[in-house]
Amino acid sequence: MQKHNWDWKKLQKGRGIKVQIPNDIDKETGKQKYRPAIVIKSYPSHVKVQLMTTEPSGHDYFKIKIDNQIQYIRPIYYRTIPLEWINRIWRDNFNKPIQLDKNSTLFTKIQEMEIKENLNLNY
């Protein structure tokens, strides 16, 4: 796994990243998976992210289309990861980092999902 020195302050809420989780191997190809994620909160040693997947499941909370591909959001994919697992930052056609709006439907849904899951854990 390639190591990067990420400046955690630049990994703001809404930053799109690709995450390389150790031992997350594609069953068909046998290669390392690189999962898309959105930064929810960053710290000096780790970030909270919402991972996404292109595979639907009965546990999906909602879905969103990114780059003409449907991404599914699940509570299980709301994770805390070390900075070392970040592979790269999403960039637009002009090579500028992609920063999603913190007031977007995506963040509203993620916050609703987090609140709902926290309520479920408390009962």
N, C-alpha and C. Protein backbone atom coordinates (compact mmCIF):
# COMPACT_ATOMS: atom_id res chain seq x y z
N MET A 1 0.84 -1.17 0.00
CA MET A 1 0.00 0.00 0.00
C MET A 1 0.89 1.24 0.00
N GLN A 2 0.62 2.16 -0.90
CA GLN A 2 1.40 3.38 -1.02
C GLN A 2 1.04 4.35 0.08
N LYS A 3 2.04 4.95 0.72
CA LYS A 3 1.82 5.89 1.82
C LYS A 3 1.84 7.32 1.29
N HIS A 4 0.86 8.11 1.75
CA HIS A 4 0.79 9.52 1.42
C HIS A 4 0.85 10.32 2.72
N ASN A 5 1.39 11.51 2.65
CA ASN A 5 1.37 12.41 3.78
C ASN A 5 0.28 13.45 3.54
N TRP A 6 -0.93 13.16 4.03
CA TRP A 6 -2.07 14.04 3.82
C TRP A 6 -2.10 15.12 4.88
N ASP A 7 -2.38 16.33 4.47
CA ASP A 7 -2.61 17.42 5.40
C ASP A 7 -4.06 17.34 5.84
N TRP A 8 -4.28 16.89 7.05
CA TRP A 8 -5.64 16.62 7.52
C TRP A 8 -6.53 17.87 7.47
N LYS A 9 -5.93 19.06 7.54
CA LYS A 9 -6.71 20.29 7.49
C LYS A 9 -7.32 20.52 6.11
N LYS A 10 -6.70 19.96 5.07
CA LYS A 10 -7.23 20.10 3.71
C LYS A 10 -8.30 19.06 3.40
N LEU A 11 -8.45 18.09 4.28
CA LEU A 11 -9.47 17.06 4.10
C LEU A 11 -10.76 17.52 4.78
N GLN A 12 -11.32 18.58 4.26
CA GLN A 12 -12.50 19.19 4.85
C GLN A 12 -13.76 18.38 4.57
N LYS A 13 -14.78 18.68 5.36
CA LYS A 13 -16.09 18.05 5.16
C LYS A 13 -16.53 18.29 3.72
N GLY A 14 -16.89 17.21 3.05
CA GLY A 14 -17.34 17.31 1.67
C GLY A 14 -16.30 16.98 0.63
N ARG A 15 -15.06 16.78 1.04
CA ARG A 15 -14.00 16.43 0.09
C ARG A 15 -14.20 15.00 -0.38
N GLY A 16 -14.15 14.80 -1.67
CA GLY A 16 -14.26 13.47 -2.24
C GLY A 16 -12.89 12.81 -2.28
N ILE A 17 -12.81 11.57 -1.82
CA ILE A 17 -11.54 10.84 -1.78
C ILE A 17 -11.76 9.40 -2.24
N LYS A 18 -10.67 8.73 -2.52
CA LYS A 18 -10.66 7.29 -2.79
C LYS A 18 -9.92 6.65 -1.63
N VAL A 19 -10.48 5.58 -1.09
CA VAL A 19 -9.93 4.91 0.08
C VAL A 19 -9.47 3.51 -0.29
N GLN A 20 -8.33 3.15 0.21
CA GLN A 20 -7.74 1.83 -0.02
C GLN A 20 -7.69 1.11 1.33
N ILE A 21 -8.68 0.26 1.60
CA ILE A 21 -8.76 -0.46 2.86
C ILE A 21 -7.95 -1.75 2.74
N PRO A 22 -7.01 -1.99 3.66
CA PRO A 22 -6.21 -3.21 3.58
C PRO A 22 -7.09 -4.46 3.54
N ASN A 23 -6.72 -5.40 2.71
CA ASN A 23 -7.41 -6.68 2.55
C ASN A 23 -8.82 -6.55 1.99
N ASP A 24 -9.16 -5.41 1.38
CA ASP A 24 -10.45 -5.23 0.71
C ASP A 24 -10.21 -5.57 -0.76
N ILE A 25 -10.33 -6.84 -1.07
CA ILE A 25 -9.97 -7.38 -2.39
C ILE A 25 -11.24 -7.69 -3.18
N ASP A 26 -11.23 -7.35 -4.46
CA ASP A 26 -12.33 -7.67 -5.37
C ASP A 26 -12.33 -9.18 -5.60
N LYS A 27 -13.46 -9.81 -5.33
CA LYS A 27 -13.54 -11.27 -5.44
C LYS A 27 -13.36 -11.77 -6.87
N GLU A 28 -13.80 -10.97 -7.85
CA GLU A 28 -13.71 -11.39 -9.25
C GLU A 28 -12.30 -11.24 -9.82
N THR A 29 -11.65 -10.12 -9.53
CA THR A 29 -10.35 -9.84 -10.14
C THR A 29 -9.17 -10.18 -9.24
N GLY A 30 -9.41 -10.26 -7.93
CA GLY A 30 -8.33 -10.52 -6.99
C GLY A 30 -7.48 -9.29 -6.72
N LYS A 31 -7.93 -8.12 -7.20
CA LYS A 31 -7.17 -6.88 -7.02
C LYS A 31 -7.73 -6.04 -5.87
N GLN A 32 -6.88 -5.16 -5.37
CA GLN A 32 -7.26 -4.22 -4.31
C GLN A 32 -8.41 -3.33 -4.77
N LYS A 33 -9.42 -3.13 -3.90
CA LYS A 33 -10.51 -2.20 -4.21
C LYS A 33 -10.13 -0.80 -3.77
N TYR A 34 -10.60 0.17 -4.51
CA TYR A 34 -10.45 1.58 -4.15
C TYR A 34 -11.85 2.15 -4.04
N ARG A 35 -12.31 2.37 -2.82
CA ARG A 35 -13.69 2.80 -2.60
C ARG A 35 -13.81 4.32 -2.59
N PRO A 36 -14.85 4.84 -3.25
CA PRO A 36 -15.10 6.27 -3.16
C PRO A 36 -15.67 6.60 -1.78
N ALA A 37 -15.33 7.78 -1.29
CA ALA A 37 -15.79 8.20 0.03
C ALA A 37 -15.90 9.73 0.07
N ILE A 38 -16.70 10.20 1.00
CA ILE A 38 -16.84 11.62 1.26
C ILE A 38 -16.37 11.87 2.69
N VAL A 39 -15.50 12.85 2.88
CA VAL A 39 -15.02 13.20 4.21
C VAL A 39 -16.16 13.87 4.98
N ILE A 40 -16.40 13.38 6.19
CA ILE A 40 -17.41 13.95 7.07
C ILE A 40 -16.74 14.84 8.12
N LYS A 41 -15.61 14.40 8.65
CA LYS A 41 -14.85 15.19 9.62
C LYS A 41 -13.42 14.70 9.61
N SER A 42 -12.47 15.63 9.76
CA SER A 42 -11.06 15.22 9.75
C SER A 42 -10.37 15.57 11.07
N TYR A 43 -9.39 14.75 11.41
CA TYR A 43 -8.59 14.88 12.63
C TYR A 43 -7.13 14.68 12.22
N PRO A 44 -6.17 15.03 13.09
CA PRO A 44 -4.75 14.88 12.73
C PRO A 44 -4.33 13.45 12.36
N SER A 45 -4.99 12.44 12.89
CA SER A 45 -4.57 11.06 12.62
C SER A 45 -5.58 10.23 11.85
N HIS A 46 -6.81 10.73 11.70
CA HIS A 46 -7.85 9.95 11.04
C HIS A 46 -8.95 10.85 10.49
N VAL A 47 -9.84 10.25 9.70
CA VAL A 47 -10.99 10.98 9.18
C VAL A 47 -12.23 10.11 9.33
N LYS A 48 -13.38 10.78 9.52
CA LYS A 48 -14.66 10.09 9.46
C LYS A 48 -15.15 10.25 8.03
N VAL A 49 -15.53 9.14 7.43
CA VAL A 49 -15.95 9.16 6.03
C VAL A 49 -17.24 8.37 5.85
N GLN A 50 -17.92 8.68 4.76
CA GLN A 50 -19.03 7.86 4.30
C GLN A 50 -18.54 7.17 3.04
N LEU A 51 -18.28 5.87 3.16
CA LEU A 51 -17.88 5.07 2.01
C LEU A 51 -19.09 4.80 1.14
N MET A 52 -18.86 4.56 -0.14
CA MET A 52 -19.93 4.27 -1.08
C MET A 52 -19.60 2.99 -1.84
N THR A 53 -20.63 2.39 -2.39
CA THR A 53 -20.44 1.18 -3.18
C THR A 53 -21.38 1.23 -4.39
N THR A 54 -21.01 0.51 -5.43
CA THR A 54 -21.86 0.45 -6.62
C THR A 54 -22.76 -0.78 -6.59
N GLU A 55 -22.63 -1.61 -5.56
CA GLU A 55 -23.42 -2.83 -5.44
C GLU A 55 -24.62 -2.60 -4.53
N PRO A 56 -25.84 -2.75 -5.05
CA PRO A 56 -27.03 -2.54 -4.22
C PRO A 56 -27.21 -3.65 -3.19
N SER A 57 -27.93 -3.31 -2.13
CA SER A 57 -28.19 -4.27 -1.05
C SER A 57 -29.50 -3.88 -0.37
N GLY A 58 -30.05 -4.78 0.41
CA GLY A 58 -31.25 -4.49 1.17
C GLY A 58 -30.99 -3.54 2.33
N HIS A 59 -29.71 -3.25 2.60
CA HIS A 59 -29.34 -2.38 3.72
C HIS A 59 -29.05 -0.95 3.28
N ASP A 60 -29.29 -0.64 2.02
CA ASP A 60 -29.02 0.71 1.51
C ASP A 60 -29.95 1.72 2.18
N TYR A 61 -29.38 2.85 2.59
CA TYR A 61 -30.19 3.92 3.16
C TYR A 61 -30.70 4.83 2.05
N PHE A 62 -29.84 5.11 1.09
CA PHE A 62 -30.23 5.87 -0.10
C PHE A 62 -29.15 5.70 -1.15
N LYS A 63 -29.41 6.25 -2.33
CA LYS A 63 -28.44 6.16 -3.42
C LYS A 63 -28.30 7.54 -4.06
N ILE A 64 -27.16 7.73 -4.72
CA ILE A 64 -26.87 9.00 -5.37
C ILE A 64 -26.09 8.70 -6.64
N LYS A 65 -26.29 9.50 -7.66
CA LYS A 65 -25.57 9.30 -8.91
C LYS A 65 -24.37 10.25 -8.93
N ILE A 66 -23.18 9.67 -9.08
CA ILE A 66 -21.94 10.44 -9.17
C ILE A 66 -21.22 9.98 -10.42
N ASP A 67 -20.92 10.91 -11.28
CA ASP A 67 -20.19 10.59 -12.52
C ASP A 67 -20.91 9.51 -13.33
N ASN A 68 -22.23 9.65 -13.45
CA ASN A 68 -23.08 8.72 -14.20
C ASN A 68 -23.07 7.30 -13.65
N GLN A 69 -22.70 7.14 -12.38
CA GLN A 69 -22.72 5.82 -11.76
C GLN A 69 -23.47 5.92 -10.43
N ILE A 70 -24.38 5.00 -10.20
CA ILE A 70 -25.14 5.02 -8.95
C ILE A 70 -24.26 4.49 -7.82
N GLN A 71 -24.19 5.28 -6.74
CA GLN A 71 -23.45 4.90 -5.54
C GLN A 71 -24.47 4.69 -4.43
N TYR A 72 -24.32 3.59 -3.70
CA TYR A 72 -25.23 3.26 -2.62
C TYR A 72 -24.60 3.60 -1.27
N ILE A 73 -25.41 4.16 -0.40
CA ILE A 73 -24.96 4.61 0.92
C ILE A 73 -25.61 3.71 1.97
N ARG A 74 -24.78 3.19 2.87
CA ARG A 74 -25.26 2.32 3.95
C ARG A 74 -24.68 2.78 5.28
N PRO A 75 -25.43 2.59 6.37
CA PRO A 75 -24.91 2.97 7.69
C PRO A 75 -23.60 2.25 8.03
N ILE A 76 -23.45 1.02 7.63
CA ILE A 76 -22.25 0.24 7.92
C ILE A 76 -21.00 0.88 7.29
N TYR A 77 -21.20 1.70 6.25
CA TYR A 77 -20.08 2.35 5.57
C TYR A 77 -19.76 3.73 6.11
N TYR A 78 -20.35 4.12 7.22
CA TYR A 78 -19.98 5.36 7.90
C TYR A 78 -18.86 4.96 8.85
N ARG A 79 -17.62 5.27 8.48
CA ARG A 79 -16.46 4.70 9.18
C ARG A 79 -15.42 5.75 9.55
N THR A 80 -14.60 5.39 10.50
CA THR A 80 -13.42 6.16 10.86
C THR A 80 -12.22 5.41 10.31
N ILE A 81 -11.39 6.11 9.53
CA ILE A 81 -10.24 5.45 8.92
C ILE A 81 -8.97 6.27 9.18
N PRO A 82 -7.82 5.61 9.23
CA PRO A 82 -6.56 6.35 9.36
C PRO A 82 -6.23 7.08 8.05
N LEU A 83 -5.47 8.15 8.16
CA LEU A 83 -5.08 8.92 6.97
C LEU A 83 -4.32 8.07 5.96
N GLU A 84 -3.62 7.04 6.43
CA GLU A 84 -2.82 6.20 5.54
C GLU A 84 -3.67 5.44 4.54
N TRP A 85 -4.95 5.27 4.81
CA TRP A 85 -5.82 4.52 3.90
C TRP A 85 -6.31 5.36 2.74
N ILE A 86 -6.09 6.66 2.80
CA ILE A 86 -6.53 7.53 1.71
C ILE A 86 -5.57 7.37 0.55
N ASN A 87 -6.11 7.04 -0.61
CA ASN A 87 -5.28 6.81 -1.79
C ASN A 87 -5.13 8.08 -2.61
N ARG A 88 -6.24 8.79 -2.84
CA ARG A 88 -6.17 10.03 -3.61
C ARG A 88 -7.43 10.87 -3.38
N ILE A 89 -7.38 12.09 -3.87
CA ILE A 89 -8.49 13.02 -3.77
C ILE A 89 -9.17 13.10 -5.13
N TRP A 90 -10.50 13.18 -5.12
CA TRP A 90 -11.23 13.35 -6.39
C TRP A 90 -10.87 14.70 -6.97
N ARG A 91 -10.69 14.74 -8.27
CA ARG A 91 -10.37 15.99 -8.96
C ARG A 91 -11.30 16.16 -10.15
N ASP A 92 -11.58 17.42 -10.48
CA ASP A 92 -12.44 17.71 -11.63
C ASP A 92 -11.60 17.75 -12.91
N ASN A 93 -12.22 18.12 -14.01
CA ASN A 93 -11.53 18.15 -15.30
C ASN A 93 -10.41 19.19 -15.36
N PHE A 94 -10.42 20.14 -14.43
CA PHE A 94 -9.38 21.17 -14.37
C PHE A 94 -8.35 20.87 -13.29
N ASN A 95 -8.35 19.62 -12.79
CA ASN A 95 -7.43 19.13 -11.77
C ASN A 95 -7.59 19.83 -10.42
N LYS A 96 -8.76 20.39 -10.16
CA LYS A 96 -9.04 21.01 -8.86
C LYS A 96 -9.75 19.98 -7.98
N PRO A 97 -9.41 19.94 -6.68
CA PRO A 97 -10.09 18.99 -5.77
C PRO A 97 -11.59 19.22 -5.76
N ILE A 98 -12.34 18.14 -5.75
CA ILE A 98 -13.80 18.23 -5.70
C ILE A 98 -14.24 18.40 -4.26
N GLN A 99 -15.03 19.40 -4.03
CA GLN A 99 -15.56 19.71 -2.70
C GLN A 99 -17.07 19.79 -2.82
N LEU A 100 -17.79 18.87 -2.18
CA LEU A 100 -19.24 18.87 -2.23
C LEU A 100 -19.81 19.88 -1.23
N ASP A 101 -20.97 20.40 -1.55
CA ASP A 101 -21.66 21.38 -0.71
C ASP A 101 -22.11 20.71 0.59
N LYS A 102 -21.77 21.32 1.72
CA LYS A 102 -22.13 20.77 3.03
C LYS A 102 -23.63 20.81 3.29
N ASN A 103 -24.36 21.60 2.50
CA ASN A 103 -25.81 21.69 2.65
C ASN A 103 -26.56 20.87 1.61
N SER A 104 -25.84 20.01 0.91
CA SER A 104 -26.44 19.22 -0.17
C SER A 104 -27.34 18.12 0.38
N THR A 105 -28.12 17.54 -0.51
CA THR A 105 -28.98 16.41 -0.15
C THR A 105 -28.15 15.26 0.41
N LEU A 106 -26.97 15.04 -0.16
CA LEU A 106 -26.10 13.96 0.32
C LEU A 106 -25.80 14.11 1.80
N PHE A 107 -25.38 15.30 2.24
CA PHE A 107 -25.05 15.50 3.64
C PHE A 107 -26.28 15.45 4.53
N THR A 108 -27.39 15.95 4.04
CA THR A 108 -28.63 15.89 4.81
C THR A 108 -28.99 14.43 5.07
N LYS A 109 -28.91 13.61 4.02
CA LYS A 109 -29.24 12.18 4.15
C LYS A 109 -28.25 11.46 5.08
N ILE A 110 -26.96 11.78 4.97
CA ILE A 110 -25.96 11.15 5.84
C ILE A 110 -26.23 11.50 7.29
N GLN A 111 -26.57 12.77 7.56
CA GLN A 111 -26.86 13.18 8.93
C GLN A 111 -28.12 12.49 9.45
N GLU A 112 -29.16 12.38 8.61
CA GLU A 112 -30.39 11.66 8.99
C GLU A 112 -30.07 10.20 9.32
N MET A 113 -29.25 9.59 8.49
CA MET A 113 -28.89 8.19 8.68
C MET A 113 -28.12 8.02 9.99
N GLU A 114 -27.19 8.92 10.27
CA GLU A 114 -26.40 8.84 11.49
C GLU A 114 -27.29 8.99 12.72
N ILE A 115 -28.22 9.94 12.69
CA ILE A 115 -29.12 10.15 13.82
C ILE A 115 -30.00 8.92 14.02
N LYS A 116 -30.53 8.40 12.94
CA LYS A 116 -31.39 7.22 13.01
C LYS A 116 -30.64 6.02 13.58
N GLU A 117 -29.40 5.82 13.12
CA GLU A 117 -28.60 4.70 13.62
C GLU A 117 -28.27 4.86 15.10
N ASN A 118 -27.96 6.10 15.52
CA ASN A 118 -27.67 6.34 16.93
C ASN A 118 -28.90 6.07 17.79
N LEU A 119 -30.07 6.42 17.30
CA LEU A 119 -31.31 6.13 18.04
C LEU A 119 -31.53 4.63 18.13
N ASN A 120 -31.27 3.91 17.07
CA ASN A 120 -31.43 2.45 17.07
C ASN A 120 -30.47 1.77 18.03
N LEU A 121 -29.26 2.32 18.17
CA LEU A 121 -28.26 1.73 19.07
C LEU A 121 -28.62 1.96 20.52
N ASN A 122 -29.36 3.02 20.80
CA ASN A 122 -29.71 3.35 22.18
C ASN A 122 -30.93 2.59 22.68
N TYR A 123 -31.57 1.79 21.82
CA TYR A 123 -32.75 1.03 22.26
C TYR A 123 -32.49 -0.44 22.26
